[in-house]
Structures are given as C-alpha cells and as structure tokens.
C-alpha atoms as a PDB file:
ATOM      1  CA  MET A   1     141.882 -49.236  53.632  1.00  0.00           C
ATOM      2  CA  PRO A   2     143.811 -49.372  56.563  1.00  0.00           C
ATOM      3  CA  ALA A   3     143.167 -52.917  58.371  1.00  0.00           C
ATOM      4  CA  HIS A   4     142.093 -51.052  61.857  1.00  0.00           C
ATOM      5  CA  VAL A   5     139.626 -49.254  59.880  1.00  0.00           C
ATOM      6  CA  ALA A   6     138.421 -52.035  58.113  1.00  0.00           C
ATOM      7  CA  ALA A   7     137.741 -53.771  61.341  1.00  0.00           C
ATOM      8  CA  VAL A   8     135.468 -51.240  62.244  1.00  0.00           C
ATOM      9  CA  PHE A   9     133.213 -51.311  59.447  1.00  0.00           C
ATOM     10  CA  ASP A  10     133.470 -55.302  59.818  1.00  0.00           C
ATOM     11  CA  ALA A  11     132.042 -55.075  63.342  1.00  0.00           C
ATOM     12  CA  CYS A  12     129.067 -53.082  62.164  1.00  0.00           C
ATOM     13  CA  PRO A  13     125.732 -54.843  61.035  1.00  0.00           C
ATOM     14  CA  ALA A  14     125.235 -55.440  57.101  1.00  0.00           C
ATOM     15  CA  ALA A  15     122.776 -52.506  56.589  1.00  0.00           C
ATOM     16  CA  ALA A  16     124.857 -49.935  58.597  1.00  0.00           C
ATOM     17  CA  ARG A  17     128.449 -51.403  56.987  1.00  0.00           C
ATOM     18  CA  GLU A  18     126.832 -51.005  53.479  1.00  0.00           C
ATOM     19  CA  ARG A  19     125.544 -47.356  54.453  1.00  0.00           C
ATOM     20  CA  LEU A  20     129.024 -46.414  56.150  1.00  0.00           C
ATOM     21  CA  LEU A  21     130.966 -47.835  53.040  1.00  0.00           C
ATOM     22  CA  ALA A  22     128.725 -45.589  50.688  1.00  0.00           C
ATOM     23  CA  LEU A  23     129.496 -42.794  52.598  1.00  0.00           C
ATOM     24  CA  ARG A  24     133.358 -43.474  52.152  1.00  0.00           C
ATOM     25  CA  ARG A  25     133.215 -43.878  48.861  1.00  0.00           C
ATOM     26  CA  LEU A  26     131.138 -40.662  48.290  1.00  0.00           C
ATOM     27  CA  ILE A  27     133.893 -39.163  50.721  1.00  0.00           C
ATOM     28  CA  PHE A  28     136.899 -40.136  48.526  1.00  0.00           C
ATOM     29  CA  ASP A  29     135.113 -39.355  45.356  1.00  0.00           C
ATOM     30  CA  THR A  30     133.991 -35.684  46.370  1.00  0.00           C
ATOM     31  CA  ALA A  31     138.002 -35.372  47.318  1.00  0.00           C
ATOM     32  CA  ALA A  32     139.405 -36.353  44.169  1.00  0.00           C
ATOM     33  CA  THR A  33     136.924 -33.720  42.413  1.00  0.00           C
ATOM     34  CA  THR A  34     137.624 -30.801  44.620  1.00  0.00           C
ATOM     35  CA  ASP A  35     140.544 -28.495  43.894  1.00  0.00           C
ATOM     36  CA  GLY A  36     143.171 -28.236  46.437  1.00  0.00           C
ATOM     37  CA  VAL A  37     142.054 -31.089  48.904  1.00  0.00           C
ATOM     38  CA  GLY A  38     144.634 -33.645  47.648  1.00  0.00           C
ATOM     39  CA  PRO A  39     144.815 -37.073  49.158  1.00  0.00           C
ATOM     40  CA  LEU A  40     143.018 -38.089  52.285  1.00  0.00           C
ATOM     41  CA  THR A  41     144.363 -39.735  55.363  1.00  0.00           C
ATOM     42  CA  GLU A  42     142.051 -42.565  56.426  1.00  0.00           C
ATOM     43  CA  THR A  43     142.075 -43.263  60.340  1.00  0.00           C
ATOM     44  CA  LEU A  44     140.335 -43.828  63.511  1.00  0.00           C
ATOM     45  CA  LYS A  45     139.095 -41.020  65.888  1.00  0.00           C
ATOM     46  CA  TRP A  46     137.118 -41.956  68.694  1.00  0.00           C
ATOM     47  CA  GLY A  47     136.974 -45.378  67.652  1.00  0.00           C
ATOM     48  CA  GLU A  48     135.331 -44.338  64.302  1.00  0.00           C
ATOM     49  CA  PRO A  49     136.697 -44.173  60.650  1.00  0.00           C
ATOM     50  CA  ALA A  50     137.741 -40.305  59.950  1.00  0.00           C
ATOM     51  CA  TYR A  51     138.944 -38.394  57.012  1.00  0.00           C
ATOM     52  CA  LEU A  52     141.287 -36.009  57.381  1.00  0.00           C
ATOM     53  CA  THR A  53     143.062 -33.710  54.760  1.00  0.00           C
ATOM     54  CA  GLU A  54     146.427 -33.855  56.415  1.00  0.00           C
ATOM     55  CA  VAL A  55     148.600 -33.146  53.120  1.00  0.00           C
ATOM     56  CA  SER A  56     146.795 -30.020  52.213  1.00  0.00           C
ATOM     57  CA  ARG A  57     145.455 -29.121  55.480  1.00  0.00           C
ATOM     58  CA  SER A  58     142.475 -27.550  53.729  1.00  0.00           C
ATOM     59  CA  GLY A  59     139.868 -28.731  55.750  1.00  0.00           C
ATOM     60  CA  SER A  60     138.164 -30.355  58.722  1.00  0.00           C
ATOM     61  CA  THR A  61     137.979 -33.897  59.767  1.00  0.00           C
ATOM     62  CA  ILE A  62     135.073 -35.808  58.881  1.00  0.00           C
ATOM     63  CA  ARG A  63     134.226 -38.746  60.964  1.00  0.00           C
ATOM     64  CA  LEU A  64     131.372 -42.012  60.217  1.00  0.00           C
ATOM     65  CA  GLY A  65     129.586 -43.470  63.091  1.00  0.00           C
ATOM     66  CA  TRP A  66     127.003 -46.247  63.876  1.00  0.00           C
ATOM     67  CA  LYS A  67     125.774 -46.949  67.270  1.00  0.00           C
ATOM     68  CA  ALA A  68     123.761 -49.820  68.674  1.00  0.00           C
ATOM     69  CA  SER A  69     121.618 -47.456  70.605  1.00  0.00           C
ATOM     70  CA  ARG A  70     120.424 -45.973  67.301  1.00  0.00           C
ATOM     71  CA  PRO A  71     120.457 -48.960  64.946  1.00  0.00           C
ATOM     72  CA  GLN A  72     118.471 -47.665  61.998  1.00  0.00           C
ATOM     73  CA  GLN A  73     120.857 -44.694  61.865  1.00  0.00           C
ATOM     74  CA  CYS A  74     124.276 -43.791  60.764  1.00  0.00           C
ATOM     75  CA  ALA A  75     125.801 -40.152  61.376  1.00  0.00           C
ATOM     76  CA  VAL A  76     128.402 -38.045  59.559  1.00  0.00           C
ATOM     77  CA  TYR A  77     130.017 -35.998  62.360  1.00  0.00           C
ATOM     78  CA  PHE A  78     132.060 -32.753  61.670  1.00  0.00           C
ATOM     79  CA  ASN A  79     133.932 -30.787  64.217  1.00  0.00           C
ATOM     80  CA  CYS A  80     131.458 -28.692  66.577  1.00  0.00           C
ATOM     81  CA  LYS A  81     133.665 -25.865  66.927  1.00  0.00           C
ATOM     82  CA  THR A  82     133.290 -24.919  63.322  1.00  0.00           C
ATOM     83  CA  THR A  83     130.433 -23.465  61.343  1.00  0.00           C
ATOM     84  CA  LEU A  84     129.713 -26.423  59.179  1.00  0.00           C
ATOM     85  CA  VAL A  85     126.671 -27.994  60.287  1.00  0.00           C
ATOM     86  CA  ASP A  86     125.102 -24.581  60.870  1.00  0.00           C
ATOM     87  CA  THR A  87     125.691 -23.940  56.994  1.00  0.00           C
ATOM     88  CA  PHE A  88     124.532 -27.242  55.907  1.00  0.00           C
ATOM     89  CA  ARG A  89     121.476 -26.617  57.854  1.00  0.00           C
ATOM     90  CA  SER A  90     120.673 -23.513  56.301  1.00  0.00           C
ATOM     91  CA  LEU A  91     121.463 -25.090  52.659  1.00  0.00           C
ATOM     92  CA  PHE A  92     119.542 -28.460  53.092  1.00  0.00           C
ATOM     93  CA  PRO A  93     116.933 -28.112  56.019  1.00  0.00           C
ATOM     94  CA  GLU A  94     114.158 -30.352  54.082  1.00  0.00           C
ATOM     95  CA  GLU A  95     117.158 -32.874  52.381  1.00  0.00           C
ATOM     96  CA  LEU A  96     118.934 -33.505  55.531  1.00  0.00           C
ATOM     97  CA  VAL A  97     118.709 -34.348  59.190  1.00  0.00           C
ATOM     98  CA  PHE A  98     120.964 -32.923  61.715  1.00  0.00           C
ATOM     99  CA  GLU A  99     122.093 -33.408  65.578  1.00  0.00           C
ATOM    100  CA  GLY A 100     122.990 -30.123  67.101  1.00  0.00           C
ATOM    101  CA  ASN A 101     126.074 -28.693  65.410  1.00  0.00           C
ATOM    102  CA  ARG A 102     127.943 -31.751  64.978  1.00  0.00           C
ATOM    103  CA  ALA A 103     126.373 -34.342  62.871  1.00  0.00           C
ATOM    104  CA  ILE A 104     124.054 -35.195  59.801  1.00  0.00           C
ATOM    105  CA  LEU A 105     122.020 -38.249  60.812  1.00  0.00           C
ATOM    106  CA  LEU A 106     120.981 -40.870  58.146  1.00  0.00           C
ATOM    107  CA  ASP A 107     118.345 -43.420  58.332  1.00  0.00           C
ATOM    108  CA  LEU A 108     119.889 -46.795  56.999  1.00  0.00           C
ATOM    109  CA  SER A 109     116.516 -47.430  54.913  1.00  0.00           C
ATOM    110  CA  THR A 110     115.991 -44.400  52.723  1.00  0.00           C
ATOM    111  CA  PRO A 111     118.343 -43.414  49.655  1.00  0.00           C
ATOM    112  CA  LEU A 112     121.577 -41.777  50.343  1.00  0.00           C
ATOM    113  CA  PRO A 113     121.073 -38.058  49.592  1.00  0.00           C
ATOM    114  CA  GLU A 114     124.176 -37.922  47.738  1.00  0.00           C
ATOM    115  CA  MET A 115     124.173 -34.372  46.027  1.00  0.00           C
ATOM    116  CA  PRO A 116     123.558 -32.720  49.461  1.00  0.00           C
ATOM    117  CA  LEU A 117     126.169 -34.786  51.037  1.00  0.00           C
ATOM    118  CA  ALA A 118     128.733 -34.422  48.501  1.00  0.00           C
ATOM    119  CA  LEU A 119     128.445 -30.283  48.622  1.00  0.00           C
ATOM    120  CA  CYS A 120     128.829 -30.718  52.698  1.00  0.00           C
ATOM    121  CA  PHE A 121     131.900 -33.005  52.290  1.00  0.00           C
ATOM    122  CA  SER A 122     133.565 -30.530  49.727  1.00  0.00           C
ATOM    123  CA  MET A 123     132.529 -27.664  52.083  1.00  0.00           C
ATOM    124  CA  ALA A 124     134.334 -29.568  54.998  1.00  0.00           C
ATOM    125  CA  MET A 125     137.264 -30.677  53.155  1.00  0.00           C
ATOM    126  CA  THR A 126     138.039 -26.850  52.091  1.00  0.00           C
ATOM    127  CA  TYR A 127     136.670 -25.435  55.249  1.00  0.00           C
ATOM    128  CA  ARG A 128     140.429 -24.108  56.405  1.00  0.00           C
ATOM    129  CA  ARG A 129     141.409 -22.953  53.016  1.00  0.00           C
ATOM    130  CA  GLU A 130     138.337 -20.805  53.030  1.00  0.00           C
ATOM    131  CA  LYS A 131     138.910 -19.319  56.339  1.00  0.00           C
ATOM    132  CA  ARG A 132     142.256 -18.286  55.102  1.00  0.00           C
END
C-alpha cells in the first residue's frame, strides 16, 4: 500500500479503519478473480483511497470514504455519471443502502455484505469493457 494511502487509513478511528481495510481487501480479491481487470492502481482521489483499472482501462474508479459527520458509516463511491449505482440498486434493493447515484453506505456495526459488494466491485471494474 502506498504510504500516502496508508496515512489516510491510519487517520481513521479503529472501527472505520477496520471496515475500510476489509473493503480494500475485497476490492483486490475481486480484481484478482475478475477476468480482464488486471492490476489495480491504488491512489488518493479527493483525499480518499481510490482503486483504478489503469492498466486494462476496463472499469470505473472505486473510492472508499469515512467522514466524521457520519461516524457510524463508511461509503463506497462510484462515478455518478455512470449507471452503476442504479444497477446495484436494482440488484440489491434489500441488501445494500444507497446514497443517490454515487455511493453504497455501510454501517460499521453490521456484517459486511461481501457477496453483493464483490459483484458490485466486479461490475465497476469491468464497466468500460461492458460499454464497448
């Protein structure tokens, strides 16, 4: 993990950091098992950890965030100009909580819904490829 990204995780409270790192692991695990994605670039966008398919150019950026204004939640952000969150909403209306057309919100005190999230991550990582 790049030092500048690690510093952002380290600045979060323990519960948020643990959840964000679990999401990071799931993102990398999903990339490794999704055909055509290739290696991810881990960087910061808007001061938050972001995951890009720069090598394959197959997908759309996934970004992780936690804000002090919502201390019991973290979020997974997607490009709001895509149809990704609308698609996720139609697939997982009961399993996931959404914010507009840009994010999945996750409560820090509930189990991580890994299966739905892995599918969402895979769809985001192949979004451009699917649009071609």
